[in-house]
Amino acid sequence: MKHKAHRFFASMLVAAFFASTPGMAAEIPNIPTPTEGWNTVWHEVLIDLWVIGILFGSLGAYFLVKYRAKDPDAVGSGKKLDFRQALAWCLIPCALFLADDFMLAAKGWTLWNTQRTIPAGSMEIKVTASQWNFTYEYPNGVEISSTDRDTDKNLFGTEIMDGDLVIPVGKPIVMRMISSDVIHSFGLTDYRLKEDIMPGRVTYIWFMARKPNISQVVCVEFCGTNHSGMYNRVVAVSKANYDTWLAKKKQEATLRRRTYAANIIKR
């Protein structure tokens, strides 16, 4: 028993060491994100719709049965209401529904403030939209274009492909966006977010992935004949995998610049 207890405590110490060592365990900031907020509000709206639908559907079915005509010549007669009764039947239901609507509106306003407030320590990616692609510029100068994607590959696969917007898990990402031609709109499908991109104006949107995930970003504002082809994947990976990918892309960019410079000199 003593040996088992010693092994148990030793394993606990080792686990605590690795968990506390920098880089051994990824820490995800405990901050509210717009995605989680919109999911919560949407679920509450669905609950409201179900409750209202069941309530009015049940009342309608009850009235149809209770006040159905007993014979073809029957003529119904409504109960006379005085002013106070009529006012109560009007105002009480209105107050109940308006209270619920105001509550949802207040949550939506709070959520809007969350969506427009960028967390400290966010990573910024510059986005340039044009007919018909998104170009992403990372902090270290690496550029990715959505048109670099290989359409022959499986877009639902798990490996990182050319043209993917790659982000680290647990890091708030702010997209600073501008258009070089017409109005576009940056739509993050799995994150329930969208923001218009306009020429001559910088707009922004922020989001954060809490776990590895593959989703899509699409243009959700009709921008021309190839609007439907303006999309690419958003791949959220661990911090270690992100750093490896970014270093590889930086090497590739450096090699391209050197090759281009060498060709210019030869000419």
C-alpha atoms as a PDB file:
ATOM      1  CA  MET A   1       0.000   0.000   0.000  1.00  0.00           C
ATOM      2  CA  LYS A   2       2.855   2.373   0.845  1.00  0.00           C
ATOM      3  CA  HIS A   3       4.482   1.758  -2.541  1.00  0.00           C
ATOM      4  CA  LYS A   4       1.181   2.382  -4.350  1.00  0.00           C
ATOM      5  CA  ALA A   5       0.663   5.617  -2.413  1.00  0.00           C
ATOM      6  CA  HIS A   6       4.205   6.745  -3.239  1.00  0.00           C
ATOM      7  CA  ARG A   7       3.706   6.006  -6.954  1.00  0.00           C
ATOM      8  CA  PHE A   8       0.376   7.859  -6.912  1.00  0.00           C
ATOM      9  CA  PHE A   9       1.851  11.016  -5.343  1.00  0.00           C
ATOM     10  CA  ALA A  10       4.869  10.866  -7.642  1.00  0.00           C
ATOM     11  CA  SER A  11       2.636  10.701 -10.710  1.00  0.00           C
ATOM     12  CA  MET A  12       0.624  13.647  -9.395  1.00  0.00           C
ATOM     13  CA  LEU A  13       3.799  15.699  -8.958  1.00  0.00           C
ATOM     14  CA  VAL A  14       4.976  14.886 -12.485  1.00  0.00           C
ATOM     15  CA  ALA A  15       1.603  15.842 -13.902  1.00  0.00           C
ATOM     16  CA  ALA A  16       1.616  19.104 -11.966  1.00  0.00           C
ATOM     17  CA  PHE A  17       5.115  19.882 -13.232  1.00  0.00           C
ATOM     18  CA  PHE A  18       4.222  19.391 -16.877  1.00  0.00           C
ATOM     19  CA  ALA A  19       0.980  21.317 -16.498  1.00  0.00           C
ATOM     20  CA  SER A  20       2.809  24.281 -14.964  1.00  0.00           C
ATOM     21  CA  THR A  21       5.728  24.279 -17.384  1.00  0.00           C
ATOM     22  CA  PRO A  22       5.421  27.044 -20.029  1.00  0.00           C
ATOM     23  CA  GLY A  23       4.472  25.648 -23.394  1.00  0.00           C
ATOM     24  CA  MET A  24       3.501  22.234 -22.030  1.00  0.00           C
ATOM     25  CA  ALA A  25      -0.174  23.041 -21.603  1.00  0.00           C
ATOM     26  CA  ALA A  26      -1.999  25.589 -23.740  1.00  0.00           C
ATOM     27  CA  GLU A  27      -3.859  28.175 -21.720  1.00  0.00           C
ATOM     28  CA  ILE A  28      -7.062  29.416 -23.302  1.00  0.00           C
ATOM     29  CA  PRO A  29      -8.148  32.870 -22.095  1.00  0.00           C
ATOM     30  CA  ASN A  30     -11.391  32.832 -20.168  1.00  0.00           C
ATOM     31  CA  ILE A  31     -12.950  35.738 -22.071  1.00  0.00           C
ATOM     32  CA  PRO A  32     -16.431  35.961 -23.577  1.00  0.00           C
ATOM     33  CA  THR A  33     -16.416  35.662 -27.352  1.00  0.00           C
ATOM     34  CA  PRO A  34     -19.051  36.922 -29.819  1.00  0.00           C
ATOM     35  CA  THR A  35     -19.567  33.377 -31.111  1.00  0.00           C
ATOM     36  CA  GLU A  36     -20.600  32.000 -27.722  1.00  0.00           C
ATOM     37  CA  GLY A  37     -22.779  35.037 -27.092  1.00  0.00           C
ATOM     38  CA  TRP A  38     -24.641  34.698 -30.393  1.00  0.00           C
ATOM     39  CA  ASN A  39     -25.137  30.975 -29.788  1.00  0.00           C
ATOM     40  CA  THR A  40     -26.685  31.711 -26.384  1.00  0.00           C
ATOM     41  CA  VAL A  41     -29.006  34.423 -27.705  1.00  0.00           C
ATOM     42  CA  TRP A  42     -30.056  32.259 -30.644  1.00  0.00           C
ATOM     43  CA  HIS A  43     -30.915  29.346 -28.333  1.00  0.00           C
ATOM     44  CA  GLU A  44     -32.999  31.674 -26.170  1.00  0.00           C
ATOM     45  CA  VAL A  45     -34.820  33.003 -29.237  1.00  0.00           C
ATOM     46  CA  LEU A  46     -35.608  29.423 -30.276  1.00  0.00           C
ATOM     47  CA  ILE A  47     -36.946  28.665 -26.789  1.00  0.00           C
ATOM     48  CA  ASP A  48     -39.156  31.769 -26.987  1.00  0.00           C
ATOM     49  CA  LEU A  49     -40.483  30.734 -30.370  1.00  0.00           C
ATOM     50  CA  TRP A  50     -41.263  27.216 -29.150  1.00  0.00           C
ATOM     51  CA  VAL A  51     -42.982  28.462 -25.986  1.00  0.00           C
ATOM     52  CA  ILE A  52     -45.041  31.046 -27.875  1.00  0.00           C
ATOM     53  CA  GLY A  53     -45.895  28.555 -30.623  1.00  0.00           C
ATOM     54  CA  ILE A  54     -46.995  25.833 -28.180  1.00  0.00           C
ATOM     55  CA  LEU A  55     -48.966  28.325 -26.064  1.00  0.00           C
ATOM     56  CA  PHE A  56     -50.900  29.890 -28.920  1.00  0.00           C
ATOM     57  CA  GLY A  57     -51.276  26.581 -30.740  1.00  0.00           C
ATOM     58  CA  SER A  58     -52.755  24.974 -27.628  1.00  0.00           C
ATOM     59  CA  LEU A  59     -55.095  27.921 -27.001  1.00  0.00           C
ATOM     60  CA  GLY A  60     -56.187  27.899 -30.633  1.00  0.00           C
ATOM     61  CA  ALA A  61     -56.928  24.162 -30.539  1.00  0.00           C
ATOM     62  CA  TYR A  62     -58.834  24.576 -27.242  1.00  0.00           C
ATOM     63  CA  PHE A  63     -60.969  27.422 -28.615  1.00  0.00           C
ATOM     64  CA  LEU A  64     -61.705  25.460 -31.801  1.00  0.00           C
ATOM     65  CA  VAL A  65     -63.036  22.550 -29.769  1.00  0.00           C
ATOM     66  CA  LYS A  66     -64.810  24.460 -27.002  1.00  0.00           C
ATOM     67  CA  TYR A  67     -66.532  27.056 -29.180  1.00  0.00           C
ATOM     68  CA  ARG A  68     -67.244  24.962 -32.254  1.00  0.00           C
ATOM     69  CA  ALA A  69     -70.702  25.355 -33.795  1.00  0.00           C
ATOM     70  CA  LYS A  70     -73.204  22.800 -32.556  1.00  0.00           C
ATOM     71  CA  ASP A  71     -75.345  23.076 -35.696  1.00  0.00           C
ATOM     72  CA  PRO A  72     -75.161  24.910 -39.049  1.00  0.00           C
ATOM     73  CA  ASP A  73     -77.571  27.648 -37.924  1.00  0.00           C
ATOM     74  CA  ALA A  74     -75.785  28.429 -34.643  1.00  0.00           C
ATOM     75  CA  VAL A  75     -74.655  32.035 -34.199  1.00  0.00           C
ATOM     76  CA  GLY A  76     -72.014  32.825 -31.615  1.00  0.00           C
ATOM     77  CA  SER A  77     -72.039  35.771 -29.250  1.00  0.00           C
ATOM     78  CA  GLY A  78     -69.037  37.316 -27.558  1.00  0.00           C
ATOM     79  CA  LYS A  79     -68.965  38.259 -23.919  1.00  0.00           C
ATOM     80  CA  LYS A  80     -69.279  41.966 -23.281  1.00  0.00           C
ATOM     81  CA  LEU A  81     -66.177  43.426 -21.611  1.00  0.00           C
ATOM     82  CA  ASP A  82     -66.076  46.657 -19.680  1.00  0.00           C
ATOM     83  CA  PHE A  83     -63.263  49.157 -20.181  1.00  0.00           C
ATOM     84  CA  ARG A  84     -61.005  47.752 -17.448  1.00  0.00           C
ATOM     85  CA  GLN A  85     -61.351  44.162 -18.687  1.00  0.00           C
ATOM     86  CA  ALA A  86     -60.638  45.163 -22.271  1.00  0.00           C
ATOM     87  CA  LEU A  87     -57.627  47.200 -21.142  1.00  0.00           C
ATOM     88  CA  ALA A  88     -56.303  44.281 -19.074  1.00  0.00           C
ATOM     89  CA  TRP A  89     -56.668  41.810 -21.958  1.00  0.00           C
ATOM     90  CA  CYS A  90     -54.738  44.244 -24.152  1.00  0.00           C
ATOM     91  CA  LEU A  91     -51.993  45.487 -21.856  1.00  0.00           C
ATOM     92  CA  ILE A  92     -51.056  42.379 -19.838  1.00  0.00           C
ATOM     93  CA  PRO A  93     -50.127  40.192 -22.863  1.00  0.00           C
ATOM     94  CA  CYS A  94     -48.326  43.167 -24.449  1.00  0.00           C
ATOM     95  CA  ALA A  95     -46.340  43.775 -21.253  1.00  0.00           C
ATOM     96  CA  LEU A  96     -45.325  40.111 -21.024  1.00  0.00           C
ATOM     97  CA  PHE A  97     -44.156  39.928 -24.637  1.00  0.00           C
ATOM     98  CA  LEU A  98     -42.431  43.307 -24.540  1.00  0.00           C
ATOM     99  CA  ALA A  99     -40.578  42.382 -21.338  1.00  0.00           C
ATOM    100  CA  ASP A 100     -39.226  39.276 -23.056  1.00  0.00           C
ATOM    101  CA  ASP A 101     -38.316  41.248 -26.189  1.00  0.00           C
ATOM    102  CA  PHE A 102     -36.563  43.946 -24.159  1.00  0.00           C
ATOM    103  CA  MET A 103     -34.572  41.281 -22.316  1.00  0.00           C
ATOM    104  CA  LEU A 104     -33.361  39.768 -25.594  1.00  0.00           C
ATOM    105  CA  ALA A 105     -32.638  43.247 -26.968  1.00  0.00           C
ATOM    106  CA  ALA A 106     -30.549  44.084 -23.886  1.00  0.00           C
ATOM    107  CA  LYS A 107     -28.566  40.856 -24.310  1.00  0.00           C
ATOM    108  CA  GLY A 108     -28.056  41.661 -27.978  1.00  0.00           C
ATOM    109  CA  TRP A 109     -26.749  45.126 -27.091  1.00  0.00           C
ATOM    110  CA  THR A 110     -24.339  43.686 -24.524  1.00  0.00           C
ATOM    111  CA  LEU A 111     -23.208  41.145 -27.096  1.00  0.00           C
ATOM    112  CA  TRP A 112     -22.685  43.873 -29.683  1.00  0.00           C
ATOM    113  CA  ASN A 113     -20.359  45.659 -27.244  1.00  0.00           C
ATOM    114  CA  THR A 114     -18.433  42.402 -26.808  1.00  0.00           C
ATOM    115  CA  GLN A 115     -18.151  42.018 -30.565  1.00  0.00           C
ATOM    116  CA  ARG A 116     -16.785  45.554 -30.994  1.00  0.00           C
ATOM    117  CA  THR A 117     -14.318  45.426 -28.072  1.00  0.00           C
ATOM    118  CA  ILE A 118     -11.030  43.791 -29.062  1.00  0.00           C
ATOM    119  CA  PRO A 119      -9.357  41.873 -26.199  1.00  0.00           C
ATOM    120  CA  ALA A 120      -5.871  42.850 -25.095  1.00  0.00           C
ATOM    121  CA  GLY A 121      -3.112  40.732 -26.613  1.00  0.00           C
ATOM    122  CA  SER A 122      -5.016  39.940 -29.807  1.00  0.00           C
ATOM    123  CA  MET A 123      -3.159  38.935 -32.951  1.00  0.00           C
ATOM    124  CA  GLU A 124      -3.903  41.161 -35.950  1.00  0.00           C
ATOM    125  CA  ILE A 125      -4.227  39.871 -39.510  1.00  0.00           C
ATOM    126  CA  LYS A 126      -4.705  42.345 -42.351  1.00  0.00           C
ATOM    127  CA  VAL A 127      -7.312  41.391 -44.944  1.00  0.00           C
ATOM    128  CA  THR A 128      -7.592  42.830 -48.441  1.00  0.00           C
ATOM    129  CA  ALA A 129     -10.694  41.830 -50.376  1.00  0.00           C
ATOM    130  CA  SER A 130     -10.876  42.083 -54.145  1.00  0.00           C
ATOM    131  CA  GLN A 131     -12.763  40.464 -56.989  1.00  0.00           C
ATOM    132  CA  TRP A 132     -12.647  37.600 -56.125  1.00  0.00           C
ATOM    133  CA  ASN A 133     -10.296  36.647 -53.351  1.00  0.00           C
ATOM    134  CA  PHE A 134      -9.204  37.405 -49.786  1.00  0.00           C
ATOM    135  CA  THR A 135      -5.527  38.180 -49.149  1.00  0.00           C
ATOM    136  CA  TYR A 136      -4.247  37.745 -45.576  1.00  0.00           C
ATOM    137  CA  GLU A 137      -1.103  39.434 -44.264  1.00  0.00           C
ATOM    138  CA  TYR A 138       0.283  38.028 -41.008  1.00  0.00           C
ATOM    139  CA  PRO A 139       2.326  40.070 -38.492  1.00  0.00           C
ATOM    140  CA  ASN A 140       5.637  38.682 -39.777  1.00  0.00           C
ATOM    141  CA  GLY A 141       4.883  39.621 -43.395  1.00  0.00           C
ATOM    142  CA  VAL A 142       3.634  36.225 -44.605  1.00  0.00           C
ATOM    143  CA  GLU A 143       0.846  36.629 -47.172  1.00  0.00           C
ATOM    144  CA  ILE A 144      -1.829  34.050 -48.004  1.00  0.00           C
ATOM    145  CA  SER A 145      -4.352  34.320 -50.829  1.00  0.00           C
ATOM    146  CA  SER A 146      -7.632  32.420 -50.883  1.00  0.00           C
ATOM    147  CA  THR A 147      -7.069  31.691 -54.576  1.00  0.00           C
ATOM    148  CA  ASP A 148      -3.972  29.618 -53.705  1.00  0.00           C
ATOM    149  CA  ARG A 149      -6.262  26.733 -52.687  1.00  0.00           C
ATOM    150  CA  ASP A 150      -6.116  23.497 -54.630  1.00  0.00           C
ATOM    151  CA  THR A 151      -9.708  22.779 -55.689  1.00  0.00           C
ATOM    152  CA  ASP A 152      -8.798  19.151 -56.433  1.00  0.00           C
ATOM    153  CA  LYS A 153      -8.046  18.481 -52.757  1.00  0.00           C
ATOM    154  CA  ASN A 154     -10.606  17.510 -50.160  1.00  0.00           C
ATOM    155  CA  LEU A 155     -11.842  20.745 -48.582  1.00  0.00           C
ATOM    156  CA  PHE A 156     -13.120  18.718 -45.622  1.00  0.00           C
ATOM    157  CA  GLY A 157      -9.748  17.108 -44.962  1.00  0.00           C
ATOM    158  CA  THR A 158      -7.768  17.715 -41.786  1.00  0.00           C
ATOM    159  CA  GLU A 159      -4.391  18.677 -43.272  1.00  0.00           C
ATOM    160  CA  ILE A 160      -3.423  22.320 -43.816  1.00  0.00           C
ATOM    161  CA  MET A 161      -3.551  23.313 -47.488  1.00  0.00           C
ATOM    162  CA  ASP A 162      -2.447  26.309 -49.540  1.00  0.00           C
ATOM    163  CA  GLY A 163      -4.916  29.163 -49.256  1.00  0.00           C
ATOM    164  CA  ASP A 164      -6.000  28.283 -45.720  1.00  0.00           C
ATOM    165  CA  LEU A 165      -6.357  31.014 -43.098  1.00  0.00           C
ATOM    166  CA  VAL A 166      -4.455  29.335 -40.265  1.00  0.00           C
ATOM    167  CA  ILE A 167      -4.927  30.595 -36.696  1.00  0.00           C
ATOM    168  CA  PRO A 168      -3.728  29.407 -33.269  1.00  0.00           C
ATOM    169  CA  VAL A 169      -6.236  27.989 -30.797  1.00  0.00           C
ATOM    170  CA  GLY A 170      -6.879  30.146 -27.717  1.00  0.00           C
ATOM    171  CA  LYS A 171      -5.637  33.388 -29.295  1.00  0.00           C
ATOM    172  CA  PRO A 172      -8.040  36.269 -30.047  1.00  0.00           C
ATOM    173  CA  ILE A 173      -7.736  37.126 -33.745  1.00  0.00           C
ATOM    174  CA  VAL A 174      -8.685  40.560 -35.076  1.00  0.00           C
ATOM    175  CA  MET A 175      -9.115  40.959 -38.823  1.00  0.00           C
ATOM    176  CA  ARG A 176      -8.394  44.494 -40.118  1.00  0.00           C
ATOM    177  CA  MET A 177     -10.111  44.627 -43.478  1.00  0.00           C
ATOM    178  CA  ILE A 178     -10.264  46.846 -46.556  1.00  0.00           C
ATOM    179  CA  SER A 179     -11.517  46.385 -50.112  1.00  0.00           C
ATOM    180  CA  SER A 180      -9.566  47.280 -53.241  1.00  0.00           C
ATOM    181  CA  ASP A 181     -12.629  47.513 -55.486  1.00  0.00           C
ATOM    182  CA  VAL A 182     -16.281  46.894 -54.509  1.00  0.00           C
ATOM    183  CA  ILE A 183     -18.185  46.069 -51.314  1.00  0.00           C
ATOM    184  CA  HIS A 184     -17.536  42.579 -49.973  1.00  0.00           C
ATOM    185  CA  SER A 185     -18.506  40.945 -46.679  1.00  0.00           C
ATOM    186  CA  PHE A 186     -16.368  38.686 -44.505  1.00  0.00           C
ATOM    187  CA  GLY A 187     -18.529  35.817 -43.224  1.00  0.00           C
ATOM    188  CA  LEU A 188     -17.172  33.309 -40.696  1.00  0.00           C
ATOM    189  CA  THR A 189     -19.689  30.456 -40.897  1.00  0.00           C
ATOM    190  CA  ASP A 190     -18.915  28.435 -37.758  1.00  0.00           C
ATOM    191  CA  TYR A 191     -18.263  31.557 -35.689  1.00  0.00           C
ATOM    192  CA  ARG A 192     -21.636  33.202 -36.529  1.00  0.00           C
ATOM    193  CA  LEU A 193     -19.920  36.445 -37.513  1.00  0.00           C
ATOM    194  CA  LYS A 194     -19.859  38.731 -40.530  1.00  0.00           C
ATOM    195  CA  GLU A 195     -18.587  42.214 -41.308  1.00  0.00           C
ATOM    196  CA  ASP A 196     -18.754  44.292 -44.482  1.00  0.00           C
ATOM    197  CA  ILE A 197     -15.531  45.252 -46.260  1.00  0.00           C
ATOM    198  CA  MET A 198     -15.666  48.564 -48.119  1.00  0.00           C
ATOM    199  CA  PRO A 199     -13.250  50.507 -50.315  1.00  0.00           C
ATOM    200  CA  GLY A 200     -11.736  53.519 -48.573  1.00  0.00           C
ATOM    201  CA  ARG A 201     -12.704  52.351 -45.096  1.00  0.00           C
ATOM    202  CA  VAL A 202     -11.047  49.993 -42.598  1.00  0.00           C
ATOM    203  CA  THR A 203     -13.435  47.647 -40.802  1.00  0.00           C
ATOM    204  CA  TYR A 204     -12.662  44.928 -38.298  1.00  0.00           C
ATOM    205  CA  ILE A 205     -13.969  41.758 -36.715  1.00  0.00           C
ATOM    206  CA  TRP A 206     -12.529  39.524 -34.014  1.00  0.00           C
ATOM    207  CA  PHE A 207     -13.018  35.896 -33.016  1.00  0.00           C
ATOM    208  CA  MET A 208     -11.287  33.108 -31.133  1.00  0.00           C
ATOM    209  CA  ALA A 209     -11.176  29.335 -31.562  1.00  0.00           C
ATOM    210  CA  ARG A 210     -11.275  27.375 -28.315  1.00  0.00           C
ATOM    211  CA  LYS A 211     -10.383  24.052 -29.966  1.00  0.00           C
ATOM    212  CA  PRO A 212      -8.896  22.790 -33.244  1.00  0.00           C
ATOM    213  CA  ASN A 213     -11.452  23.222 -35.968  1.00  0.00           C
ATOM    214  CA  ILE A 214     -11.850  23.549 -39.737  1.00  0.00           C
ATOM    215  CA  SER A 215     -14.499  25.957 -40.980  1.00  0.00           C
ATOM    216  CA  GLN A 216     -15.097  28.331 -43.881  1.00  0.00           C
ATOM    217  CA  VAL A 217     -14.911  32.043 -44.582  1.00  0.00           C
ATOM    218  CA  VAL A 218     -17.111  33.176 -47.458  1.00  0.00           C
ATOM    219  CA  CYS A 219     -18.047  36.472 -49.049  1.00  0.00           C
ATOM    220  CA  VAL A 220     -21.688  37.068 -48.084  1.00  0.00           C
ATOM    221  CA  GLU A 221     -22.216  40.224 -50.159  1.00  0.00           C
ATOM    222  CA  PHE A 222     -22.765  39.768 -53.898  1.00  0.00           C
ATOM    223  CA  CYS A 223     -19.650  41.262 -55.488  1.00  0.00           C
ATOM    224  CA  GLY A 224     -19.663  40.109 -59.114  1.00  0.00           C
ATOM    225  CA  THR A 225     -19.790  37.143 -61.433  1.00  0.00           C
ATOM    226  CA  ASN A 226     -17.414  34.947 -59.420  1.00  0.00           C
ATOM    227  CA  HIS A 227     -18.870  35.842 -56.010  1.00  0.00           C
ATOM    228  CA  SER A 228     -19.594  32.180 -55.242  1.00  0.00           C
ATOM    229  CA  GLY A 229     -15.901  31.321 -55.647  1.00  0.00           C
ATOM    230  CA  MET A 230     -14.730  33.835 -53.050  1.00  0.00           C
ATOM    231  CA  TYR A 231     -14.079  31.578 -50.097  1.00  0.00           C
ATOM    232  CA  ASN A 232     -11.387  29.646 -48.246  1.00  0.00           C
ATOM    233  CA  ARG A 233     -10.944  27.516 -45.143  1.00  0.00           C
ATOM    234  CA  VAL A 234     -10.239  28.723 -41.604  1.00  0.00           C
ATOM    235  CA  VAL A 235      -8.025  26.179 -39.845  1.00  0.00           C
ATOM    236  CA  ALA A 236      -7.552  26.502 -36.076  1.00  0.00           C
ATOM    237  CA  VAL A 237      -4.543  24.511 -34.838  1.00  0.00           C
ATOM    238  CA  SER A 238      -2.482  24.253 -31.659  1.00  0.00           C
ATOM    239  CA  LYS A 239       0.068  26.971 -30.930  1.00  0.00           C
ATOM    240  CA  ALA A 240       2.957  24.612 -31.693  1.00  0.00           C
ATOM    241  CA  ASN A 241       1.530  23.591 -35.063  1.00  0.00           C
ATOM    242  CA  TYR A 242       0.768  27.220 -35.876  1.00  0.00           C
ATOM    243  CA  ASP A 243       4.343  28.309 -35.129  1.00  0.00           C
ATOM    244  CA  THR A 244       5.691  25.485 -37.304  1.00  0.00           C
ATOM    245  CA  TRP A 245       3.369  26.423 -40.183  1.00  0.00           C
ATOM    246  CA  LEU A 246       4.212  30.134 -39.924  1.00  0.00           C
ATOM    247  CA  ALA A 247       7.961  29.483 -39.885  1.00  0.00           C
ATOM    248  CA  LYS A 248       7.612  27.298 -42.983  1.00  0.00           C
ATOM    249  CA  LYS A 249       5.607  29.978 -44.805  1.00  0.00           C
ATOM    250  CA  LYS A 250       8.188  32.609 -43.866  1.00  0.00           C
ATOM    251  CA  GLN A 251      10.969  30.442 -45.291  1.00  0.00           C
ATOM    252  CA  GLU A 252       9.010  29.962 -48.518  1.00  0.00           C
ATOM    253  CA  ALA A 253       8.409  33.715 -48.822  1.00  0.00           C
ATOM    254  CA  THR A 254      12.112  34.450 -48.250  1.00  0.00           C
ATOM    255  CA  LEU A 255      13.120  31.887 -50.881  1.00  0.00           C
ATOM    256  CA  ARG A 256      10.700  33.391 -53.412  1.00  0.00           C
ATOM    257  CA  ARG A 257      12.089  36.883 -52.844  1.00  0.00           C
ATOM    258  CA  ARG A 258      15.677  35.681 -53.266  1.00  0.00           C
ATOM    259  CA  THR A 259      14.797  33.776 -56.422  1.00  0.00           C
ATOM    260  CA  TYR A 260      13.003  36.808 -57.835  1.00  0.00           C
ATOM    261  CA  ALA A 261      15.960  39.081 -57.005  1.00  0.00           C
ATOM    262  CA  ALA A 262      18.405  36.629 -58.600  1.00  0.00           C
ATOM    263  CA  ASN A 263      16.342  36.528 -61.787  1.00  0.00           C
ATOM    264  CA  ILE A 264      16.254  40.330 -61.919  1.00  0.00           C
ATOM    265  CA  ILE A 265      20.044  40.505 -61.565  1.00  0.00           C
ATOM    266  CA  LYS A 266      20.524  37.940 -64.373  1.00  0.00           C
ATOM    267  CA  ARG A 267      18.458  40.069 -66.716  1.00  0.00           C
END
